[in-house]
PDB file of all heavy atoms in Angstrom:
ATOM      1  N   TYR A   1      69.174  89.345  93.923  1.00  0.00           N
ATOM      2  CA  TYR A   1      68.486  90.614  93.556  1.00  0.00           C
ATOM      3  C   TYR A   1      69.165  91.205  92.363  1.00  0.00           C
ATOM      4  O   TYR A   1      68.783  92.328  91.853  1.00  0.00           O
ATOM      5  CB  TYR A   1      68.524  91.629  94.725  1.00  0.00           C
ATOM      6  CG  TYR A   1      67.531  91.297  95.770  1.00  0.00           C
ATOM      7  CD1 TYR A   1      67.681  90.362  96.839  1.00  0.00           C
ATOM      8  CD2 TYR A   1      66.162  91.841  95.786  1.00  0.00           C
ATOM      9  CE1 TYR A   1      66.774  90.151  97.733  1.00  0.00           C
ATOM     10  CE2 TYR A   1      65.289  91.562  96.729  1.00  0.00           C
ATOM     11  CZ  TYR A   1      65.553  90.683  97.691  1.00  0.00           C
ATOM     12  OH  TYR A   1      64.543  90.392  98.685  1.00  0.00           O
ATOM     13  N   ARG A   2      70.129  90.611  91.769  1.00  0.00           N
ATOM     14  CA  ARG A   2      70.834  91.032  90.595  1.00  0.00           C
ATOM     15  C   ARG A   2      71.333  92.373  90.681  1.00  0.00           C
ATOM     16  O   ARG A   2      71.123  93.341  89.815  1.00  0.00           O
ATOM     17  CB  ARG A   2      69.911  90.814  89.290  1.00  0.00           C
ATOM     18  CG  ARG A   2      69.365  89.484  89.027  1.00  0.00           C
ATOM     19  CD  ARG A   2      68.435  89.377  87.862  1.00  0.00           C
ATOM     20  NE  ARG A   2      69.153  89.769  86.659  1.00  0.00           N
ATOM     21  CZ  ARG A   2      68.825  90.851  85.980  1.00  0.00           C
ATOM     22  NH1 ARG A   2      67.882  91.656  86.340  1.00  0.00           N
ATOM     23  NH2 ARG A   2      69.496  91.142  84.804  1.00  0.00           N
ATOM     24  N   PRO A   3      72.139  92.753  91.709  1.00  0.00           N
ATOM     25  CA  PRO A   3      72.726  94.036  91.761  1.00  0.00           C
ATOM     26  C   PRO A   3      73.789  94.232  90.684  1.00  0.00           C
ATOM     27  O   PRO A   3      74.341  93.162  90.163  1.00  0.00           O
ATOM     28  CB  PRO A   3      73.437  94.091  93.045  1.00  0.00           C
ATOM     29  CG  PRO A   3      73.726  92.680  93.375  1.00  0.00           C
ATOM     30  CD  PRO A   3      72.718  91.842  92.810  1.00  0.00           C
ATOM     31  N   ASP A   4      73.929  95.474  90.163  1.00  0.00           N
ATOM     32  CA  ASP A   4      74.872  95.686  89.137  1.00  0.00           C
ATOM     33  C   ASP A   4      76.389  95.458  89.651  1.00  0.00           C
ATOM     34  O   ASP A   4      77.268  95.302  88.809  1.00  0.00           O
ATOM     35  CB  ASP A   4      74.817  97.099  88.569  1.00  0.00           C
ATOM     36  CG  ASP A   4      73.417  97.385  87.882  1.00  0.00           C
ATOM     37  OD1 ASP A   4      72.884  96.390  87.392  1.00  0.00           O
ATOM     38  OD2 ASP A   4      72.873  98.459  87.928  1.00  0.00           O
ATOM     39  N   GLY A   5      76.583  95.470  90.978  1.00  0.00           N
ATOM     40  CA  GLY A   5      77.843  95.302  91.459  1.00  0.00           C
ATOM     41  C   GLY A   5      77.733  95.355  93.046  1.00  0.00           C
ATOM     42  O   GLY A   5      76.723  95.645  93.556  1.00  0.00           O
ATOM     43  N   MET A   6      78.842  95.017  93.682  1.00  0.00           N
ATOM     44  CA  MET A   6      78.883  95.021  95.088  1.00  0.00           C
ATOM     45  C   MET A   6      80.042  95.687  95.771  1.00  0.00           C
ATOM     46  O   MET A   6      81.170  95.445  95.169  1.00  0.00           O
ATOM     47  CB  MET A   6      78.722  93.515  95.705  1.00  0.00           C
ATOM     48  CG  MET A   6      77.472  92.875  95.411  1.00  0.00           C
ATOM     49  SD  MET A   6      77.426  91.354  96.410  1.00  0.00           S
ATOM     50  CE  MET A   6      76.104  90.371  95.463  1.00  0.00           C
ATOM     51  N   VAL A   7      79.849  96.348  96.880  1.00  0.00           N
ATOM     52  CA  VAL A   7      81.038  96.823  97.813  1.00  0.00           C
ATOM     53  C   VAL A   7      81.016  95.905  98.917  1.00  0.00           C
ATOM     54  O   VAL A   7      79.930  95.707  99.627  1.00  0.00           O
ATOM     55  CB  VAL A   7      80.748  98.273  98.202  1.00  0.00           C
ATOM     56  CG1 VAL A   7      81.814  98.576  99.200  1.00  0.00           C
ATOM     57  CG2 VAL A   7      80.695  99.207  96.988  1.00  0.00           C
ATOM     58  N   ILE A   8      82.086  95.301  99.252  1.00  0.00           N
ATOM     59  CA  ILE A   8      82.178  94.301 100.282  1.00  0.00           C
ATOM     60  C   ILE A   8      83.257  94.651 101.294  1.00  0.00           C
ATOM     61  O   ILE A   8      84.325  94.902 100.977  1.00  0.00           O
ATOM     62  CB  ILE A   8      82.440  92.890  99.620  1.00  0.00           C
ATOM     63  CG1 ILE A   8      81.248  92.453  98.912  1.00  0.00           C
ATOM     64  CG2 ILE A   8      82.738  91.860 100.842  1.00  0.00           C
ATOM     65  CD1 ILE A   8      81.479  91.150  98.120  1.00  0.00           C
ATOM     66  N   CYS A   9      82.910  94.531 102.562  1.00  0.00           N
ATOM     67  CA  CYS A   9      83.878  94.529 103.667  1.00  0.00           C
ATOM     68  C   CYS A   9      83.743  93.160 104.331  1.00  0.00           C
ATOM     69  O   CYS A   9      82.759  92.848 104.952  1.00  0.00           O
ATOM     70  CB  CYS A   9      83.656  95.600 104.707  1.00  0.00           C
ATOM     71  SG  CYS A   9      84.888  95.687 105.953  1.00  0.00           S
ATOM     72  N   ALA A  10      84.658  92.284 104.118  1.00  0.00           N
ATOM     73  CA  ALA A  10      84.708  90.881 104.311  1.00  0.00           C
ATOM     74  C   ALA A  10      84.676  90.576 105.900  1.00  0.00           C
ATOM     75  O   ALA A  10      85.380  91.215 106.586  1.00  0.00           O
ATOM     76  CB  ALA A  10      85.762  90.188 103.690  1.00  0.00           C
ATOM     77  N   ALA A  11      84.051  89.395 106.258  1.00  0.00           N
ATOM     78  CA  ALA A  11      84.151  88.933 107.569  1.00  0.00           C
ATOM     79  C   ALA A  11      85.552  88.478 107.782  1.00  0.00           C
ATOM     80  O   ALA A  11      86.292  87.967 106.826  1.00  0.00           O
ATOM     81  CB  ALA A  11      83.136  87.864 107.787  1.00  0.00           C
ATOM     82  N   GLY A  12      85.959  88.350 109.131  1.00  0.00           N
ATOM     83  CA  GLY A  12      87.273  87.913 109.450  1.00  0.00           C
ATOM     84  C   GLY A  12      87.466  86.426 109.024  1.00  0.00           C
ATOM     85  O   GLY A  12      86.493  85.623 109.251  1.00  0.00           O
ATOM     86  N   GLY A  13      88.564  86.134 108.510  1.00  0.00           N
ATOM     87  CA  GLY A  13      88.838  84.714 108.009  1.00  0.00           C
ATOM     88  C   GLY A  13      88.448  84.453 106.525  1.00  0.00           C
ATOM     89  O   GLY A  13      88.699  83.292 106.022  1.00  0.00           O
ATOM     90  N   SER A  14      87.884  85.447 105.878  1.00  0.00           N
ATOM     91  CA  SER A  14      87.519  85.218 104.491  1.00  0.00           C
ATOM     92  C   SER A  14      88.676  84.983 103.574  1.00  0.00           C
ATOM     93  O   SER A  14      89.862  85.462 103.855  1.00  0.00           O
ATOM     94  CB  SER A  14      86.799  86.453 103.975  1.00  0.00           C
ATOM     95  OG  SER A  14      85.524  86.721 104.593  1.00  0.00           O
ATOM     96  N   THR A  15      88.638  84.096 102.525  1.00  0.00           N
ATOM     97  CA  THR A  15      89.675  83.851 101.689  1.00  0.00           C
ATOM     98  C   THR A  15      89.216  84.142 100.233  1.00  0.00           C
ATOM     99  O   THR A  15      88.035  84.518  99.947  1.00  0.00           O
ATOM    100  CB  THR A  15      90.020  82.387 101.727  1.00  0.00           C
ATOM    101  OG1 THR A  15      88.992  81.594 101.214  1.00  0.00           O
ATOM    102  CG2 THR A  15      90.452  82.028 103.215  1.00  0.00           C
ATOM    103  N   ALA A  16      90.092  84.056  99.278  1.00  0.00           N
ATOM    104  CA  ALA A  16      89.748  84.260  97.867  1.00  0.00           C
ATOM    105  C   ALA A  16      88.695  83.388  97.444  1.00  0.00           C
ATOM    106  O   ALA A  16      87.718  83.797  96.637  1.00  0.00           O
ATOM    107  CB  ALA A  16      91.029  84.127  96.921  1.00  0.00           C
ATOM    108  N   GLU A  17      88.601  82.095  98.000  1.00  0.00           N
ATOM    109  CA  GLU A  17      87.594  81.247  97.564  1.00  0.00           C
ATOM    110  C   GLU A  17      86.206  81.636  98.140  1.00  0.00           C
ATOM    111  O   GLU A  17      85.114  81.284  97.521  1.00  0.00           O
ATOM    112  CB  GLU A  17      87.853  79.776  98.159  1.00  0.00           C
ATOM    113  CG  GLU A  17      89.060  79.133  97.472  1.00  0.00           C
ATOM    114  CD  GLU A  17      90.397  79.733  97.880  1.00  0.00           C
ATOM    115  OE1 GLU A  17      90.420  80.307  98.915  1.00  0.00           O
ATOM    116  OE2 GLU A  17      91.344  79.568  97.025  1.00  0.00           O
ATOM    117  N   THR A  18      86.118  82.456  99.201  1.00  0.00           N
ATOM    118  CA  THR A  18      84.932  82.886  99.686  1.00  0.00           C
ATOM    119  C   THR A  18      83.989  83.659  98.733  1.00  0.00           C
ATOM    120  O   THR A  18      82.814  83.527  98.734  1.00  0.00           O
ATOM    121  CB  THR A  18      85.145  83.828 100.970  1.00  0.00           C
ATOM    122  OG1 THR A  18      86.021  83.202 101.899  1.00  0.00           O
ATOM    123  CG2 THR A  18      83.824  84.303 101.613  1.00  0.00           C
ATOM    124  N   PHE A  19      84.662  84.380  97.790  1.00  0.00           N
ATOM    125  CA  PHE A  19      84.015  85.202  96.850  1.00  0.00           C
ATOM    126  C   PHE A  19      84.028  84.592  95.475  1.00  0.00           C
ATOM    127  O   PHE A  19      83.687  85.306  94.547  1.00  0.00           O
ATOM    128  CB  PHE A  19      84.528  86.579  96.825  1.00  0.00           C
ATOM    129  CG  PHE A  19      84.516  87.201  98.190  1.00  0.00           C
ATOM    130  CD1 PHE A  19      85.639  87.342  98.968  1.00  0.00           C
ATOM    131  CD2 PHE A  19      83.301  87.636  98.737  1.00  0.00           C
ATOM    132  CE1 PHE A  19      85.653  87.944 100.252  1.00  0.00           C
ATOM    133  CE2 PHE A  19      83.257  88.232  99.999  1.00  0.00           C
ATOM    134  CZ  PHE A  19      84.408  88.349 100.712  1.00  0.00           C
ATOM    135  N   GLY A  20      84.468  83.344  95.288  1.00  0.00           N
ATOM    136  CA  GLY A  20      84.530  82.729  94.022  1.00  0.00           C
ATOM    137  C   GLY A  20      83.217  82.659  93.263  1.00  0.00           C
ATOM    138  O   GLY A  20      83.134  82.804  92.062  1.00  0.00           O
ATOM    139  N   HIS A  21      82.053  82.422  94.010  1.00  0.00           N
ATOM    140  CA  HIS A  21      80.787  82.290  93.353  1.00  0.00           C
ATOM    141  C   HIS A  21      80.297  83.663  92.883  1.00  0.00           C
ATOM    142  O   HIS A  21      79.603  83.717  91.786  1.00  0.00           O
ATOM    143  CB  HIS A  21      79.716  81.753  94.341  1.00  0.00           C
ATOM    144  CG  HIS A  21      79.463  82.620  95.512  1.00  0.00           C
ATOM    145  ND1 HIS A  21      78.245  83.380  95.594  1.00  0.00           N
ATOM    146  CD2 HIS A  21      80.123  82.873  96.624  1.00  0.00           C
ATOM    147  CE1 HIS A  21      78.272  84.120  96.705  1.00  0.00           C
ATOM    148  NE2 HIS A  21      79.372  83.901  97.384  1.00  0.00           N
ATOM    149  N   LEU A  22      80.700  84.783  93.439  1.00  0.00           N
ATOM    150  CA  LEU A  22      80.403  86.110  92.893  1.00  0.00           C
ATOM    151  C   LEU A  22      81.135  86.314  91.629  1.00  0.00           C
ATOM    152  O   LEU A  22      80.644  86.921  90.650  1.00  0.00           O
ATOM    153  CB  LEU A  22      80.525  87.093  93.982  1.00  0.00           C
ATOM    154  CG  LEU A  22      79.606  87.087  95.199  1.00  0.00           C
ATOM    155  CD1 LEU A  22      80.142  88.103  96.260  1.00  0.00           C
ATOM    156  CD2 LEU A  22      78.295  87.277  94.834  1.00  0.00           C
ATOM    157  N   ILE A  23      82.481  86.130  91.758  1.00  0.00           N
ATOM    158  CA  ILE A  23      83.398  86.370  90.639  1.00  0.00           C
ATOM    159  C   ILE A  23      82.900  85.472  89.390  1.00  0.00           C
ATOM    160  O   ILE A  23      82.881  85.929  88.296  1.00  0.00           O
ATOM    161  CB  ILE A  23      84.801  86.068  91.034  1.00  0.00           C
ATOM    162  CG1 ILE A  23      85.286  87.014  92.161  1.00  0.00           C
ATOM    163  CG2 ILE A  23      85.770  86.111  89.740  1.00  0.00           C
ATOM    164  CD1 ILE A  23      86.574  86.682  92.732  1.00  0.00           C
ATOM    165  N   ALA A  24      82.588  84.192  89.708  1.00  0.00           N
ATOM    166  CA  ALA A  24      82.105  83.293  88.581  1.00  0.00           C
ATOM    167  C   ALA A  24      80.829  83.811  87.957  1.00  0.00           C
ATOM    168  O   ALA A  24      80.758  83.678  86.766  1.00  0.00           O
ATOM    169  CB  ALA A  24      81.945  81.944  89.105  1.00  0.00           C
TER     170      ALA A  24
END
């Protein structure tokens, strides 16, 4: 949906790699 940005409260067990696609 092309948001301008996101606020995230991560699920348990999330790692830095979990959000790599958003950062990329």
